[in-house]
Amino acid sequence: DGVLENGAHICAWALSYLDVEVDYGRWMSVAPLLERYKFAGFIN
């Protein structure tokens, strides 16, 4: 839910644009641990 700001979610989101396999299960498992790391901004 909400906007993309959790560090783990941002990593998984960016990796999804690469032509590589991504272990999304492990990324989601560490997301609660990285909840305290929030990022914001834009890519231009």
All heavy atoms as atom14 arrays in JSON, in Angstrom:
{
  "sequence": "DGVLENGAHICAWALSYLDVEVDYGRWMSVAPLLERYKFAGFIN",
  "atom14_mask": [
    [1, 1, 1, 1, 1, 1, 1, 1, 0, 0, 0, 0, 0, 0],
    [1, 1, 1, 1, 0, 0, 0, 0, 0, 0, 0, 0, 0, 0],
    [1, 1, 1, 1, 1, 1, 1, 0, 0, 0, 0, 0, 0, 0],
    [1, 1, 1, 1, 1, 1, 1, 1, 0, 0, 0, 0, 0, 0],
    [1, 1, 1, 1, 1, 1, 1, 1, 1, 0, 0, 0, 0, 0],
    [1, 1, 1, 1, 1, 1, 1, 1, 0, 0, 0, 0, 0, 0],
    [1, 1, 1, 1, 0, 0, 0, 0, 0, 0, 0, 0, 0, 0],
    [1, 1, 1, 1, 1, 0, 0, 0, 0, 0, 0, 0, 0, 0],
    [1, 1, 1, 1, 1, 1, 1, 1, 1, 1, 0, 0, 0, 0],
    [1, 1, 1, 1, 1, 1, 1, 1, 0, 0, 0, 0, 0, 0],
    [1, 1, 1, 1, 1, 1, 0, 0, 0, 0, 0, 0, 0, 0],
    [1, 1, 1, 1, 1, 0, 0, 0, 0, 0, 0, 0, 0, 0],
    [1, 1, 1, 1, 1, 1, 1, 1, 1, 1, 1, 1, 1, 1],
    [1, 1, 1, 1, 1, 0, 0, 0, 0, 0, 0, 0, 0, 0],
    [1, 1, 1, 1, 1, 1, 1, 1, 0, 0, 0, 0, 0, 0],
    [1, 1, 1, 1, 1, 1, 0, 0, 0, 0, 0, 0, 0, 0],
    [1, 1, 1, 1, 1, 1, 1, 1, 1, 1, 1, 1, 0, 0],
    [1, 1, 1, 1, 1, 1, 1, 1, 0, 0, 0, 0, 0, 0],
    [1, 1, 1, 1, 1, 1, 1, 1, 0, 0, 0, 0, 0, 0],
    [1, 1, 1, 1, 1, 1, 1, 0, 0, 0, 0, 0, 0, 0],
    [1, 1, 1, 1, 1, 1, 1, 1, 1, 0, 0, 0, 0, 0],
    [1, 1, 1, 1, 1, 1, 1, 0, 0, 0, 0, 0, 0, 0],
    [1, 1, 1, 1, 1, 1, 1, 1, 0, 0, 0, 0, 0, 0],
    [1, 1, 1, 1, 1, 1, 1, 1, 1, 1, 1, 1, 0, 0],
    [1, 1, 1, 1, 0, 0, 0, 0, 0, 0, 0, 0, 0, 0],
    [1, 1, 1, 1, 1, 1, 1, 1, 1, 1, 1, 0, 0, 0],
    [1, 1, 1, 1, 1, 1, 1, 1, 1, 1, 1, 1, 1, 1],
    [1, 1, 1, 1, 1, 1, 1, 1, 0, 0, 0, 0, 0, 0],
    [1, 1, 1, 1, 1, 1, 0, 0, 0, 0, 0, 0, 0, 0],
    [1, 1, 1, 1, 1, 1, 1, 0, 0, 0, 0, 0, 0, 0],
    [1, 1, 1, 1, 1, 0, 0, 0, 0, 0, 0, 0, 0, 0],
    [1, 1, 1, 1, 1, 1, 1, 0, 0, 0, 0, 0, 0, 0],
    [1, 1, 1, 1, 1, 1, 1, 1, 0, 0, 0, 0, 0, 0],
    [1, 1, 1, 1, 1, 1, 1, 1, 0, 0, 0, 0, 0, 0],
    [1, 1, 1, 1, 1, 1, 1, 1, 1, 0, 0, 0, 0, 0],
    [1, 1, 1, 1, 1, 1, 1, 1, 1, 1, 1, 0, 0, 0],
    [1, 1, 1, 1, 1, 1, 1, 1, 1, 1, 1, 1, 0, 0],
    [1, 1, 1, 1, 1, 1, 1, 1, 1, 0, 0, 0, 0, 0],
    [1, 1, 1, 1, 1, 1, 1, 1, 1, 1, 1, 0, 0, 0],
    [1, 1, 1, 1, 1, 0, 0, 0, 0, 0, 0, 0, 0, 0],
    [1, 1, 1, 1, 0, 0, 0, 0, 0, 0, 0, 0, 0, 0],
    [1, 1, 1, 1, 1, 1, 1, 1, 1, 1, 1, 0, 0, 0],
    [1, 1, 1, 1, 1, 1, 1, 1, 0, 0, 0, 0, 0, 0],
    [1, 1, 1, 1, 1, 1, 1, 1, 0, 0, 0, 0, 0, 0]
  ],
  "atom14_positions": [
    [[0.83, -1.2, 0.0], [0.0, 0.0, 0.0], [0.87, 1.25, 0.0], [2.05, 1.23, 0.34], [-0.91, 0.01, 1.23], [-1.86, -1.18, 1.26], [-2.26, -1.63, 0.16], [-2.19, -1.65, 2.37], [0.0, 0.0, 0.0], [0.0, 0.0, 0.0], [0.0, 0.0, 0.0], [0.0, 0.0, 0.0], [0.0, 0.0, 0.0], [0.0, 0.0, 0.0]],
    [[0.26, 2.37, -0.35], [0.92, 3.67, -0.27], [1.89, 3.9, -1.4], [1.84, 3.27, -2.46], [0.0, 0.0, 0.0], [0.0, 0.0, 0.0], [0.0, 0.0, 0.0], [0.0, 0.0, 0.0], [0.0, 0.0, 0.0], [0.0, 0.0, 0.0], [0.0, 0.0, 0.0], [0.0, 0.0, 0.0], [0.0, 0.0, 0.0], [0.0, 0.0, 0.0]],
    [[2.82, 4.84, -1.17], [3.79, 5.21, -2.19], [5.06, 4.37, -2.04], [5.29, 3.74, -1.01], [4.14, 6.71, -2.1], [2.91, 7.56, -2.36], [4.74, 7.05, -0.75], [0.0, 0.0, 0.0], [0.0, 0.0, 0.0], [0.0, 0.0, 0.0], [0.0, 0.0, 0.0], [0.0, 0.0, 0.0], [0.0, 0.0, 0.0], [0.0, 0.0, 0.0]],
    [[5.87, 4.39, -3.07], [7.11, 3.61, -3.09], [8.17, 4.38, -2.31], [8.72, 5.38, -2.79], [7.55, 3.41, -4.54], [8.75, 2.51, -4.79], [8.48, 1.09, -4.32], [9.11, 2.51, -6.28], [0.0, 0.0, 0.0], [0.0, 0.0, 0.0], [0.0, 0.0, 0.0], [0.0, 0.0, 0.0], [0.0, 0.0, 0.0], [0.0, 0.0, 0.0]],
    [[8.51, 3.92, -1.1], [9.49, 4.62, -0.27], [10.37, 3.68, 0.53], [11.49, 4.04, 0.9], [8.8, 5.6, 0.68], [7.82, 4.96, 1.64], [7.18, 5.97, 2.58], [7.46, 7.17, 2.43], [6.39, 5.55, 3.45], [0.0, 0.0, 0.0], [0.0, 0.0, 0.0], [0.0, 0.0, 0.0], [0.0, 0.0, 0.0], [0.0, 0.0, 0.0]],
    [[9.91, 2.46, 0.84], [10.7, 1.49, 1.58], [11.93, 1.1, 0.77], [11.84, 0.81, -0.43], [9.84, 0.27, 1.89], [10.57, -0.81, 2.67], [11.54, -1.39, 2.19], [10.1, -1.09, 3.87], [0.0, 0.0, 0.0], [0.0, 0.0, 0.0], [0.0, 0.0, 0.0], [0.0, 0.0, 0.0], [0.0, 0.0, 0.0], [0.0, 0.0, 0.0]],
    [[13.1, 1.07, 1.41], [14.34, 0.79, 0.69], [14.32, -0.54, -0.04], [14.8, -0.65, -1.18], [0.0, 0.0, 0.0], [0.0, 0.0, 0.0], [0.0, 0.0, 0.0], [0.0, 0.0, 0.0], [0.0, 0.0, 0.0], [0.0, 0.0, 0.0], [0.0, 0.0, 0.0], [0.0, 0.0, 0.0], [0.0, 0.0, 0.0], [0.0, 0.0, 0.0]],
    [[13.76, -1.59, 0.58], [13.7, -2.9, -0.06], [12.78, -2.88, -1.27], [13.07, -3.46, -2.31], [13.25, -3.95, 0.95], [0.0, 0.0, 0.0], [0.0, 0.0, 0.0], [0.0, 0.0, 0.0], [0.0, 0.0, 0.0], [0.0, 0.0, 0.0], [0.0, 0.0, 0.0], [0.0, 0.0, 0.0], [0.0, 0.0, 0.0], [0.0, 0.0, 0.0]],
    [[11.64, -2.22, -1.13], [10.69, -2.14, -2.24], [11.27, -1.36, -3.41], [11.05, -1.73, -4.58], [9.39, -1.47, -1.76], [8.61, -2.31, -0.81], [7.64, -1.79, 0.02], [8.65, -3.65, -0.54], [7.11, -2.75, 0.75], [7.71, -3.9, 0.43], [0.0, 0.0, 0.0], [0.0, 0.0, 0.0], [0.0, 0.0, 0.0], [0.0, 0.0, 0.0]],
    [[12.02, -0.31, -3.13], [12.63, 0.47, -4.21], [13.65, -0.38, -4.96], [13.73, -0.34, -6.19], [13.29, 1.75, -3.64], [12.21, 2.71, -3.16], [14.18, 2.42, -4.69], [12.75, 3.95, -2.49], [0.0, 0.0, 0.0], [0.0, 0.0, 0.0], [0.0, 0.0, 0.0], [0.0, 0.0, 0.0], [0.0, 0.0, 0.0], [0.0, 0.0, 0.0]],
    [[14.44, -1.16, -4.23], [15.43, -2.02, -4.88], [14.75, -3.06, -5.78], [15.15, -3.27, -6.92], [16.3, -2.73, -3.84], [17.45, -1.64, -2.96], [0.0, 0.0, 0.0], [0.0, 0.0, 0.0], [0.0, 0.0, 0.0], [0.0, 0.0, 0.0], [0.0, 0.0, 0.0], [0.0, 0.0, 0.0], [0.0, 0.0, 0.0], [0.0, 0.0, 0.0]],
    [[13.72, -3.7, -5.26], [13.0, -4.71, -6.04], [12.35, -4.08, -7.26], [12.34, -4.67, -8.36], [11.96, -5.4, -5.17], [0.0, 0.0, 0.0], [0.0, 0.0, 0.0], [0.0, 0.0, 0.0], [0.0, 0.0, 0.0], [0.0, 0.0, 0.0], [0.0, 0.0, 0.0], [0.0, 0.0, 0.0], [0.0, 0.0, 0.0], [0.0, 0.0, 0.0]],
    [[11.79, -2.89, -7.09], [11.16, -2.17, -8.21], [12.17, -1.85, -9.31], [11.92, -2.08, -10.5], [10.52, -0.89, -7.68], [10.12, 0.09, -8.75], [9.03, 0.03, -9.56], [10.84, 1.27, -9.11], [9.02, 1.11, -10.41], [10.11, 1.89, -10.15], [12.0, 1.88, -8.65], [10.53, 3.08, -10.75], [12.42, 3.05, -9.23], [11.69, 3.64, -10.27]],
    [[13.34, -1.33, -8.92], [14.34, -0.97, -9.92], [14.9, -2.21, -10.61], [15.11, -2.21, -11.84], [15.47, -0.17, -9.26], [0.0, 0.0, 0.0], [0.0, 0.0, 0.0], [0.0, 0.0, 0.0], [0.0, 0.0, 0.0], [0.0, 0.0, 0.0], [0.0, 0.0, 0.0], [0.0, 0.0, 0.0], [0.0, 0.0, 0.0], [0.0, 0.0, 0.0]],
    [[15.13, -3.28, -9.84], [15.66, -4.51, -10.44], [14.68, -5.14, -11.41], [15.08, -5.87, -12.32], [16.01, -5.51, -9.33], [17.22, -5.15, -8.45], [17.33, -6.12, -7.28], [18.51, -5.13, -9.26], [0.0, 0.0, 0.0], [0.0, 0.0, 0.0], [0.0, 0.0, 0.0], [0.0, 0.0, 0.0], [0.0, 0.0, 0.0], [0.0, 0.0, 0.0]],
    [[13.38, -4.86, -11.23], [12.38, -5.44, -12.13], [12.51, -4.92, -13.55], [11.97, -5.51, -14.49], [10.97, -5.15, -11.6], [10.64, -3.77, -11.73], [0.0, 0.0, 0.0], [0.0, 0.0, 0.0], [0.0, 0.0, 0.0], [0.0, 0.0, 0.0], [0.0, 0.0, 0.0], [0.0, 0.0, 0.0], [0.0, 0.0, 0.0], [0.0, 0.0, 0.0]],
    [[13.23, -3.81, -13.74], [13.43, -3.25, -15.07], [14.65, -3.84, -15.77], [14.93, -3.48, -16.91], [13.58, -1.73, -14.99], [12.27, -1.01, -14.71], [11.86, -0.76, -13.41], [11.45, -0.62, -15.76], [10.66, -0.12, -13.15], [10.24, 0.03, -15.51], [9.85, 0.27, -14.2], [8.66, 0.9, -13.95], [0.0, 0.0, 0.0], [0.0, 0.0, 0.0]],
    [[15.38, -4.71, -15.08], [16.54, -5.35, -15.69], [16.16, -6.71, -16.25], [15.2, -7.34, -15.78], [17.65, -5.52, -14.64], [18.23, -4.24, -14.03], [19.24, -4.61, -12.95], [18.9, -3.39, -15.1], [0.0, 0.0, 0.0], [0.0, 0.0, 0.0], [0.0, 0.0, 0.0], [0.0, 0.0, 0.0], [0.0, 0.0, 0.0], [0.0, 0.0, 0.0]],
    [[16.91, -7.17, -17.21], [16.68, -8.47, -17.81], [17.42, -9.54, -17.02], [18.3, -10.25, -17.54], [17.12, -8.46, -19.28], [16.72, -9.73, -20.01], [15.79, -10.41, -19.53], [17.36, -10.05, -21.04], [0.0, 0.0, 0.0], [0.0, 0.0, 0.0], [0.0, 0.0, 0.0], [0.0, 0.0, 0.0], [0.0, 0.0, 0.0], [0.0, 0.0, 0.0]],
    [[17.09, -9.64, -15.73], [17.72, -10.61, -14.83], [16.64, -11.2, -13.93], [15.56, -10.63, -13.77], [18.82, -9.96, -13.97], [19.95, -9.43, -14.83], [18.24, -8.85, -13.09], [0.0, 0.0, 0.0], [0.0, 0.0, 0.0], [0.0, 0.0, 0.0], [0.0, 0.0, 0.0], [0.0, 0.0, 0.0], [0.0, 0.0, 0.0], [0.0, 0.0, 0.0]],
    [[16.95, -12.34, -13.34], [16.05, -12.95, -12.37], [16.18, -12.22, -11.03], [17.28, -11.87, -10.61], [16.38, -14.43, -12.19], [16.12, -15.29, -13.42], [14.64, -15.4, -13.74], [13.83, -15.42, -12.78], [14.29, -15.44, -14.93], [0.0, 0.0, 0.0], [0.0, 0.0, 0.0], [0.0, 0.0, 0.0], [0.0, 0.0, 0.0], [0.0, 0.0, 0.0]],
    [[15.06, -12.0, -10.38], [15.02, -11.32, -9.09], [14.25, -12.2, -8.1], [13.14, -12.66, -8.4], [14.35, -9.94, -9.2], [14.34, -9.24, -7.83], [15.04, -9.07, -10.23], [0.0, 0.0, 0.0], [0.0, 0.0, 0.0], [0.0, 0.0, 0.0], [0.0, 0.0, 0.0], [0.0, 0.0, 0.0], [0.0, 0.0, 0.0], [0.0, 0.0, 0.0]],
    [[14.84, -12.43, -6.95], [14.19, -13.23, -5.91], [13.3, -12.3, -5.09], [13.69, -11.81, -4.02], [15.24, -13.9, -5.02], [14.64, -14.96, -4.11], [13.43, -14.9, -3.85], [15.39, -15.85, -3.66], [0.0, 0.0, 0.0], [0.0, 0.0, 0.0], [0.0, 0.0, 0.0], [0.0, 0.0, 0.0], [0.0, 0.0, 0.0], [0.0, 0.0, 0.0]],
    [[12.08, -12.06, -5.6], [11.19, -11.1, -4.95], [10.77, -11.56, -3.55], [10.52, -10.73, -2.67], [9.95, -10.87, -5.82], [10.25, -10.15, -7.11], [10.26, -10.84, -8.32], [10.51, -8.79, -7.12], [10.55, -10.18, -9.51], [10.8, -8.12, -8.3], [10.81, -8.82, -9.5], [11.1, -8.17, -10.67], [0.0, 0.0, 0.0], [0.0, 0.0, 0.0]],
    [[10.71, -12.87, -3.34], [10.34, -13.37, -2.03], [11.3, -12.9, -0.95], [10.88, -12.49, 0.14], [0.0, 0.0, 0.0], [0.0, 0.0, 0.0], [0.0, 0.0, 0.0], [0.0, 0.0, 0.0], [0.0, 0.0, 0.0], [0.0, 0.0, 0.0], [0.0, 0.0, 0.0], [0.0, 0.0, 0.0], [0.0, 0.0, 0.0], [0.0, 0.0, 0.0]],
    [[12.58, -12.96, -1.25], [13.57, -12.52, -0.25], [13.54, -11.01, -0.07], [13.76, -10.51, 1.03], [14.96, -12.99, -0.66], [15.13, -14.5, -0.6], [16.59, -14.88, -0.54], [16.77, -16.32, -0.49], [17.94, -16.91, -0.29], [19.02, -16.18, -0.11], [18.03, -18.22, -0.27], [0.0, 0.0, 0.0], [0.0, 0.0, 0.0], [0.0, 0.0, 0.0]],
    [[13.29, -10.29, -1.15], [13.19, -8.84, -1.01], [12.02, -8.46, -0.11], [12.13, -7.56, 0.72], [13.06, -8.18, -2.38], [14.35, -8.06, -3.12], [14.77, -8.8, -4.19], [15.42, -7.17, -2.82], [16.02, -8.42, -4.57], [16.46, -7.41, -3.76], [15.62, -6.17, -1.86], [17.66, -6.71, -3.76], [16.81, -5.47, -1.85], [17.82, -5.73, -2.79]],
    [[10.89, -9.16, -0.27], [9.73, -8.85, 0.56], [9.98, -9.25, 2.01], [9.46, -8.63, 2.94], [8.49, -9.56, 0.02], [8.07, -9.12, -1.38], [7.91, -7.32, -1.59], [9.43, -6.94, -2.49], [0.0, 0.0, 0.0], [0.0, 0.0, 0.0], [0.0, 0.0, 0.0], [0.0, 0.0, 0.0], [0.0, 0.0, 0.0], [0.0, 0.0, 0.0]],
    [[10.8, -10.3, 2.23], [11.05, -10.76, 3.59], [11.9, -9.76, 4.38], [11.81, -9.7, 5.61], [11.74, -12.13, 3.57], [13.06, -12.04, 3.07], [0.0, 0.0, 0.0], [0.0, 0.0, 0.0], [0.0, 0.0, 0.0], [0.0, 0.0, 0.0], [0.0, 0.0, 0.0], [0.0, 0.0, 0.0], [0.0, 0.0, 0.0], [0.0, 0.0, 0.0]],
    [[12.75, -8.99, 3.69], [13.59, -8.02, 4.41], [12.93, -6.64, 4.48], [13.43, -5.76, 5.18], [14.99, -7.88, 3.77], [15.68, -9.24, 3.72], [14.91, -7.25, 2.39], [0.0, 0.0, 0.0], [0.0, 0.0, 0.0], [0.0, 0.0, 0.0], [0.0, 0.0, 0.0], [0.0, 0.0, 0.0], [0.0, 0.0, 0.0], [0.0, 0.0, 0.0]],
    [[11.83, -6.45, 3.75], [11.18, -5.14, 3.74], [10.8, -4.65, 5.13], [11.0, -3.48, 5.46], [9.95, -5.17, 2.81], [0.0, 0.0, 0.0], [0.0, 0.0, 0.0], [0.0, 0.0, 0.0], [0.0, 0.0, 0.0], [0.0, 0.0, 0.0], [0.0, 0.0, 0.0], [0.0, 0.0, 0.0], [0.0, 0.0, 0.0], [0.0, 0.0, 0.0]],
    [[10.25, -5.52, 6.02], [9.94, -5.02, 7.38], [11.18, -4.57, 8.14], [11.11, -3.64, 8.95], [9.29, -6.25, 8.04], [8.75, -7.05, 6.92], [9.73, -6.89, 5.81], [0.0, 0.0, 0.0], [0.0, 0.0, 0.0], [0.0, 0.0, 0.0], [0.0, 0.0, 0.0], [0.0, 0.0, 0.0], [0.0, 0.0, 0.0], [0.0, 0.0, 0.0]],
    [[12.33, -5.23, 7.9], [13.56, -4.82, 8.58], [14.05, -3.46, 8.09], [14.7, -2.72, 8.84], [14.65, -5.87, 8.36], [14.43, -7.25, 8.96], [15.55, -8.19, 8.55], [14.34, -7.17, 10.48], [0.0, 0.0, 0.0], [0.0, 0.0, 0.0], [0.0, 0.0, 0.0], [0.0, 0.0, 0.0], [0.0, 0.0, 0.0], [0.0, 0.0, 0.0]],
    [[13.76, -3.15, 6.83], [14.24, -1.9, 6.24], [13.17, -0.81, 6.24], [13.31, 0.2, 5.56], [14.72, -2.15, 4.81], [15.85, -3.18, 4.67], [16.27, -3.32, 3.21], [17.05, -2.79, 5.51], [0.0, 0.0, 0.0], [0.0, 0.0, 0.0], [0.0, 0.0, 0.0], [0.0, 0.0, 0.0], [0.0, 0.0, 0.0], [0.0, 0.0, 0.0]],
    [[12.1, -1.02, 7.02], [11.0, -0.06, 7.06], [11.46, 1.32, 7.53], [10.9, 2.35, 7.16], [9.89, -0.57, 7.99], [8.64, 0.27, 8.01], [7.89, 0.23, 6.69], [7.88, -0.83, 6.04], [7.32, 1.26, 6.3], [0.0, 0.0, 0.0], [0.0, 0.0, 0.0], [0.0, 0.0, 0.0], [0.0, 0.0, 0.0], [0.0, 0.0, 0.0]],
    [[12.49, 1.33, 8.36], [12.98, 2.6, 8.9], [13.82, 3.39, 7.89], [14.23, 4.52, 8.17], [13.8, 2.34, 10.16], [15.11, 1.61, 9.92], [15.76, 1.11, 11.2], [15.08, -0.04, 11.74], [15.48, -0.7, 12.82], [16.56, -0.29, 13.48], [14.82, -1.76, 13.25], [0.0, 0.0, 0.0], [0.0, 0.0, 0.0], [0.0, 0.0, 0.0]],
    [[14.12, 2.8, 6.75], [14.87, 3.49, 5.7], [13.9, 3.92, 4.6], [13.44, 3.09, 3.8], [15.95, 2.58, 5.11], [17.05, 2.23, 6.08], [16.93, 1.13, 6.92], [18.22, 2.99, 6.14], [17.95, 0.8, 7.81], [19.24, 2.66, 7.03], [19.09, 1.57, 7.86], [20.1, 1.25, 8.74], [0.0, 0.0, 0.0], [0.0, 0.0, 0.0]],
    [[13.58, 5.21, 4.56], [12.61, 5.73, 3.59], [13.33, 6.69, 2.64], [14.14, 7.52, 3.06], [11.46, 6.45, 4.3], [10.68, 5.57, 5.26], [9.53, 6.33, 5.89], [8.8, 5.49, 6.92], [8.18, 4.29, 6.31], [0.0, 0.0, 0.0], [0.0, 0.0, 0.0], [0.0, 0.0, 0.0], [0.0, 0.0, 0.0], [0.0, 0.0, 0.0]],
    [[13.0, 6.56, 1.36], [13.62, 7.39, 0.33], [12.54, 8.12, -0.45], [11.4, 7.65, -0.55], [14.46, 6.53, -0.61], [15.61, 5.84, 0.06], [15.44, 4.61, 0.69], [16.87, 6.43, 0.09], [16.49, 3.96, 1.31], [17.93, 5.8, 0.73], [17.74, 4.56, 1.34], [0.0, 0.0, 0.0], [0.0, 0.0, 0.0], [0.0, 0.0, 0.0]],
    [[12.92, 9.25, -1.03], [11.99, 10.03, -1.84], [12.81, 10.79, -2.89], [14.02, 10.94, -2.76], [11.19, 11.02, -0.97], [0.0, 0.0, 0.0], [0.0, 0.0, 0.0], [0.0, 0.0, 0.0], [0.0, 0.0, 0.0], [0.0, 0.0, 0.0], [0.0, 0.0, 0.0], [0.0, 0.0, 0.0], [0.0, 0.0, 0.0], [0.0, 0.0, 0.0]],
    [[12.11, 11.27, -3.91], [12.81, 12.04, -4.94], [12.28, 11.68, -6.32], [11.24, 11.03, -6.45], [0.0, 0.0, 0.0], [0.0, 0.0, 0.0], [0.0, 0.0, 0.0], [0.0, 0.0, 0.0], [0.0, 0.0, 0.0], [0.0, 0.0, 0.0], [0.0, 0.0, 0.0], [0.0, 0.0, 0.0], [0.0, 0.0, 0.0], [0.0, 0.0, 0.0]],
    [[13.01, 12.08, -7.33], [12.6, 11.77, -8.69], [13.83, 11.57, -9.56], [14.92, 12.06, -9.25], [11.73, 12.89, -9.28], [12.39, 14.24, -9.29], [13.12, 14.66, -10.39], [12.28, 15.09, -8.2], [13.75, 15.89, -10.4], [12.9, 16.34, -8.21], [13.64, 16.74, -9.31], [0.0, 0.0, 0.0], [0.0, 0.0, 0.0], [0.0, 0.0, 0.0]],
    [[13.66, 10.82, -10.63], [14.76, 10.53, -11.55], [14.49, 11.27, -12.85], [13.48, 11.02, -13.52], [14.86, 9.01, -11.83], [15.04, 8.25, -10.51], [16.01, 8.71, -12.77], [14.94, 6.74, -10.66], [0.0, 0.0, 0.0], [0.0, 0.0, 0.0], [0.0, 0.0, 0.0], [0.0, 0.0, 0.0], [0.0, 0.0, 0.0], [0.0, 0.0, 0.0]],
    [[15.37, 12.19, -13.2], [15.19, 12.93, -14.45], [16.4, 12.81, -15.37], [16.6, 13.65, -16.24], [14.88, 14.41, -14.16], [16.04, 15.11, -13.44], [16.96, 14.46, -12.98], [15.95, 16.42, -13.35], [0.0, 0.0, 0.0], [0.0, 0.0, 0.0], [0.0, 0.0, 0.0], [0.0, 0.0, 0.0], [0.0, 0.0, 0.0], [0.0, 0.0, 0.0]]
  ]
}
